[in-house]
N, C-alpha and C. Protein backbone atom coordinates (compact mmCIF):
# COMPACT_ATOMS: atom_id res chain seq x y z
N MET A 1 0.87 -1.18 0.02
CA MET A 1 -0.01 0.06 0.04
C MET A 1 0.84 1.22 0.01
N SER A 2 0.61 2.20 -0.90
CA SER A 2 1.37 3.42 -1.02
C SER A 2 1.03 4.40 0.11
N ASP A 3 1.96 5.26 0.47
CA ASP A 3 1.76 6.26 1.52
C ASP A 3 0.87 7.32 0.90
N GLU A 4 -0.04 7.89 1.66
CA GLU A 4 -0.90 9.03 1.24
C GLU A 4 -0.27 10.32 1.93
N ILE A 5 -0.28 11.37 1.08
CA ILE A 5 0.20 12.64 1.51
C ILE A 5 -0.85 13.67 1.15
N THR A 6 -0.82 14.80 1.85
CA THR A 6 -1.66 15.94 1.57
C THR A 6 -0.84 17.11 1.03
N LEU A 7 -1.17 17.61 -0.17
CA LEU A 7 -0.41 18.72 -0.65
C LEU A 7 -1.42 19.91 -0.80
N ILE A 8 -0.90 21.10 -0.73
CA ILE A 8 -1.72 22.35 -0.82
C ILE A 8 -1.30 22.98 -2.23
N ASP A 9 -2.28 23.13 -3.10
CA ASP A 9 -1.89 23.74 -4.42
C ASP A 9 -1.81 25.22 -4.30
N GLU A 10 -1.47 25.84 -5.47
CA GLU A 10 -1.19 27.28 -5.47
C GLU A 10 -2.48 28.13 -5.15
N SER A 11 -3.60 27.49 -5.14
CA SER A 11 -4.93 28.12 -4.79
C SER A 11 -5.26 28.02 -3.36
N GLY A 12 -4.44 27.26 -2.55
CA GLY A 12 -4.62 26.98 -1.22
C GLY A 12 -5.63 25.77 -0.91
N VAL A 13 -5.85 25.00 -1.96
CA VAL A 13 -6.75 23.85 -1.85
C VAL A 13 -5.90 22.59 -1.41
N GLU A 14 -6.40 21.88 -0.46
CA GLU A 14 -5.69 20.69 -0.03
C GLU A 14 -6.10 19.55 -0.98
N ARG A 15 -5.12 18.74 -1.38
CA ARG A 15 -5.43 17.59 -2.25
C ARG A 15 -4.62 16.39 -1.69
N ARG A 16 -5.27 15.17 -1.75
CA ARG A 16 -4.58 14.05 -1.24
C ARG A 16 -4.02 13.27 -2.38
N PHE A 17 -2.75 12.73 -2.17
CA PHE A 17 -2.07 11.95 -3.20
C PHE A 17 -1.55 10.64 -2.59
N ARG A 18 -1.28 9.70 -3.51
CA ARG A 18 -0.56 8.49 -3.06
C ARG A 18 0.79 8.63 -3.60
N MET A 19 1.83 8.41 -2.74
CA MET A 19 3.20 8.39 -3.16
C MET A 19 3.49 7.10 -3.83
N HIS A 20 4.04 7.11 -5.09
CA HIS A 20 4.37 5.96 -5.74
C HIS A 20 5.92 5.81 -5.82
N ASP A 21 6.61 6.89 -5.91
CA ASP A 21 8.13 6.80 -6.02
C ASP A 21 8.71 8.10 -5.54
N ALA A 22 9.86 8.01 -4.96
CA ALA A 22 10.73 9.15 -4.59
C ALA A 22 12.17 8.79 -4.95
N PHE A 23 12.76 9.72 -5.62
CA PHE A 23 14.11 9.41 -6.13
C PHE A 23 14.86 10.70 -6.43
N ASP A 24 16.26 10.60 -6.48
CA ASP A 24 17.02 11.72 -6.84
C ASP A 24 17.65 11.54 -8.23
N LEU A 25 17.82 12.65 -8.97
CA LEU A 25 18.42 12.64 -10.24
C LEU A 25 19.17 13.89 -10.35
N GLU A 26 20.51 13.85 -10.57
CA GLU A 26 21.37 14.98 -10.72
C GLU A 26 21.28 16.03 -9.54
N GLY A 27 21.18 15.40 -8.35
CA GLY A 27 21.14 16.20 -7.15
C GLY A 27 19.81 16.80 -6.80
N VAL A 28 18.72 16.48 -7.51
CA VAL A 28 17.29 16.99 -7.31
C VAL A 28 16.46 15.88 -6.86
N SER A 29 15.69 16.13 -5.90
CA SER A 29 14.65 15.05 -5.38
C SER A 29 13.40 15.24 -6.11
N TYR A 30 12.86 14.00 -6.64
CA TYR A 30 11.56 14.02 -7.35
C TYR A 30 10.58 13.07 -6.73
N TYR A 31 9.30 13.32 -6.98
CA TYR A 31 8.26 12.45 -6.31
C TYR A 31 7.20 12.24 -7.40
N LEU A 32 6.87 10.96 -7.55
CA LEU A 32 5.76 10.56 -8.50
C LEU A 32 4.55 10.25 -7.61
N VAL A 33 3.45 11.04 -7.86
CA VAL A 33 2.26 10.92 -7.03
C VAL A 33 0.95 10.81 -7.83
N GLU A 34 0.00 10.16 -7.21
CA GLU A 34 -1.32 9.95 -7.89
C GLU A 34 -2.39 10.54 -7.05
N ASP A 35 -3.29 11.32 -7.71
CA ASP A 35 -4.33 11.90 -6.97
C ASP A 35 -5.28 10.82 -6.50
N VAL A 36 -5.65 10.86 -5.12
CA VAL A 36 -6.43 9.84 -4.50
C VAL A 36 -7.81 9.84 -5.16
N THR A 37 -8.46 11.00 -5.47
CA THR A 37 -9.80 11.08 -6.03
C THR A 37 -9.85 10.96 -7.57
N ASP A 38 -8.69 11.06 -8.23
CA ASP A 38 -8.65 10.91 -9.64
C ASP A 38 -7.40 10.18 -10.12
N PRO A 39 -7.47 8.87 -10.17
CA PRO A 39 -6.26 8.05 -10.42
C PRO A 39 -5.61 8.41 -11.79
N ASP A 40 -6.29 8.97 -12.66
CA ASP A 40 -5.71 9.43 -14.02
C ASP A 40 -4.88 10.58 -13.84
N ARG A 41 -4.86 11.27 -12.72
CA ARG A 41 -4.12 12.39 -12.50
C ARG A 41 -2.86 12.07 -11.71
N VAL A 42 -1.74 11.94 -12.46
CA VAL A 42 -0.41 11.52 -11.90
C VAL A 42 0.53 12.68 -12.12
N LEU A 43 1.19 13.11 -11.07
CA LEU A 43 2.01 14.26 -11.15
C LEU A 43 3.54 13.88 -10.78
N LEU A 44 4.41 14.52 -11.54
CA LEU A 44 5.83 14.38 -11.20
C LEU A 44 6.25 15.71 -10.58
N LEU A 45 6.66 15.68 -9.32
CA LEU A 45 7.08 16.87 -8.59
C LEU A 45 8.56 16.91 -8.23
N ARG A 46 9.10 18.00 -8.12
CA ARG A 46 10.50 18.16 -7.76
C ARG A 46 10.61 19.22 -6.60
N GLU A 47 11.65 18.99 -5.80
CA GLU A 47 11.87 19.92 -4.70
C GLU A 47 12.55 21.22 -5.29
N ALA A 48 12.08 22.33 -4.88
CA ALA A 48 12.73 23.62 -5.23
C ALA A 48 12.77 24.44 -3.93
N GLU A 49 13.41 25.55 -3.94
CA GLU A 49 13.65 26.43 -2.84
C GLU A 49 12.24 26.82 -2.27
N SER A 50 11.21 27.07 -3.14
CA SER A 50 9.97 27.50 -2.65
C SER A 50 9.02 26.40 -2.27
N GLY A 51 9.49 25.15 -2.38
CA GLY A 51 8.62 23.95 -2.08
C GLY A 51 8.61 22.99 -3.23
N LEU A 52 7.52 22.33 -3.39
CA LEU A 52 7.47 21.34 -4.49
C LEU A 52 6.81 22.03 -5.75
N GLU A 53 7.35 21.73 -6.87
CA GLU A 53 6.81 22.22 -8.11
C GLU A 53 6.61 21.12 -9.15
N THR A 54 5.62 21.28 -10.01
CA THR A 54 5.27 20.36 -10.98
C THR A 54 6.36 20.30 -12.12
N VAL A 55 6.76 19.15 -12.57
CA VAL A 55 7.77 18.96 -13.75
C VAL A 55 6.96 18.77 -14.96
N ASP A 56 7.27 19.57 -15.96
CA ASP A 56 6.51 19.34 -17.31
C ASP A 56 7.52 19.51 -18.43
N SER A 57 7.04 19.32 -19.64
CA SER A 57 7.66 19.45 -21.00
C SER A 57 8.98 18.64 -21.04
N ASP A 58 10.07 19.30 -21.44
CA ASP A 58 11.29 18.59 -21.66
C ASP A 58 11.94 17.99 -20.40
N ASP A 59 11.78 18.71 -19.30
CA ASP A 59 12.27 18.18 -18.04
C ASP A 59 11.59 16.82 -17.61
N PHE A 60 10.24 16.88 -17.92
CA PHE A 60 9.40 15.68 -17.66
C PHE A 60 9.93 14.51 -18.47
N LYS A 61 10.11 14.62 -19.74
CA LYS A 61 10.72 13.61 -20.60
C LYS A 61 11.96 13.11 -20.12
N LYS A 62 12.88 14.00 -19.75
CA LYS A 62 14.25 13.57 -19.34
C LYS A 62 14.14 12.84 -18.01
N VAL A 63 13.37 13.25 -17.11
CA VAL A 63 13.19 12.53 -15.69
C VAL A 63 12.56 11.21 -15.99
N MET A 64 11.44 11.12 -16.79
CA MET A 64 10.78 9.89 -16.96
C MET A 64 11.69 8.88 -17.73
N GLN A 65 12.51 9.32 -18.68
CA GLN A 65 13.42 8.38 -19.34
C GLN A 65 14.45 7.87 -18.44
N ALA A 66 15.03 8.73 -17.50
CA ALA A 66 15.96 8.29 -16.53
C ALA A 66 15.36 7.25 -15.59
N LEU A 67 14.07 7.52 -15.20
CA LEU A 67 13.40 6.60 -14.26
C LEU A 67 13.20 5.26 -14.99
N GLU A 68 12.70 5.27 -16.22
CA GLU A 68 12.53 4.10 -16.93
C GLU A 68 13.76 3.26 -17.17
N GLU A 69 14.86 3.94 -17.29
CA GLU A 69 16.25 3.25 -17.53
C GLU A 69 16.95 3.02 -16.19
N ASP A 70 16.22 3.26 -15.07
CA ASP A 70 16.77 2.91 -13.76
C ASP A 70 18.11 3.69 -13.57
N LYS A 71 18.15 4.99 -13.95
CA LYS A 71 19.32 5.81 -13.83
C LYS A 71 19.12 6.88 -12.71
N VAL A 72 18.31 6.50 -11.72
CA VAL A 72 18.02 7.39 -10.63
C VAL A 72 18.46 6.76 -9.36
N ASP A 73 18.71 7.55 -8.24
CA ASP A 73 19.07 7.10 -6.97
C ASP A 73 17.84 6.93 -6.09
């Protein structure tokens, strides 16, 4: 069973997610999470100075490729 976490989005709304994976790549921590109420909503988040931020576009492709190729810590 995956751990559930609560995150607060930029609008101040609390959302519950299941943690699927946490890993480091090139010195950055990433988290793969699934929305508890909408399993089709899966997010890739990374730690930043201001908190967690969503990873998208080219960075998303790079991180997902590294994860698939097991090149993460």
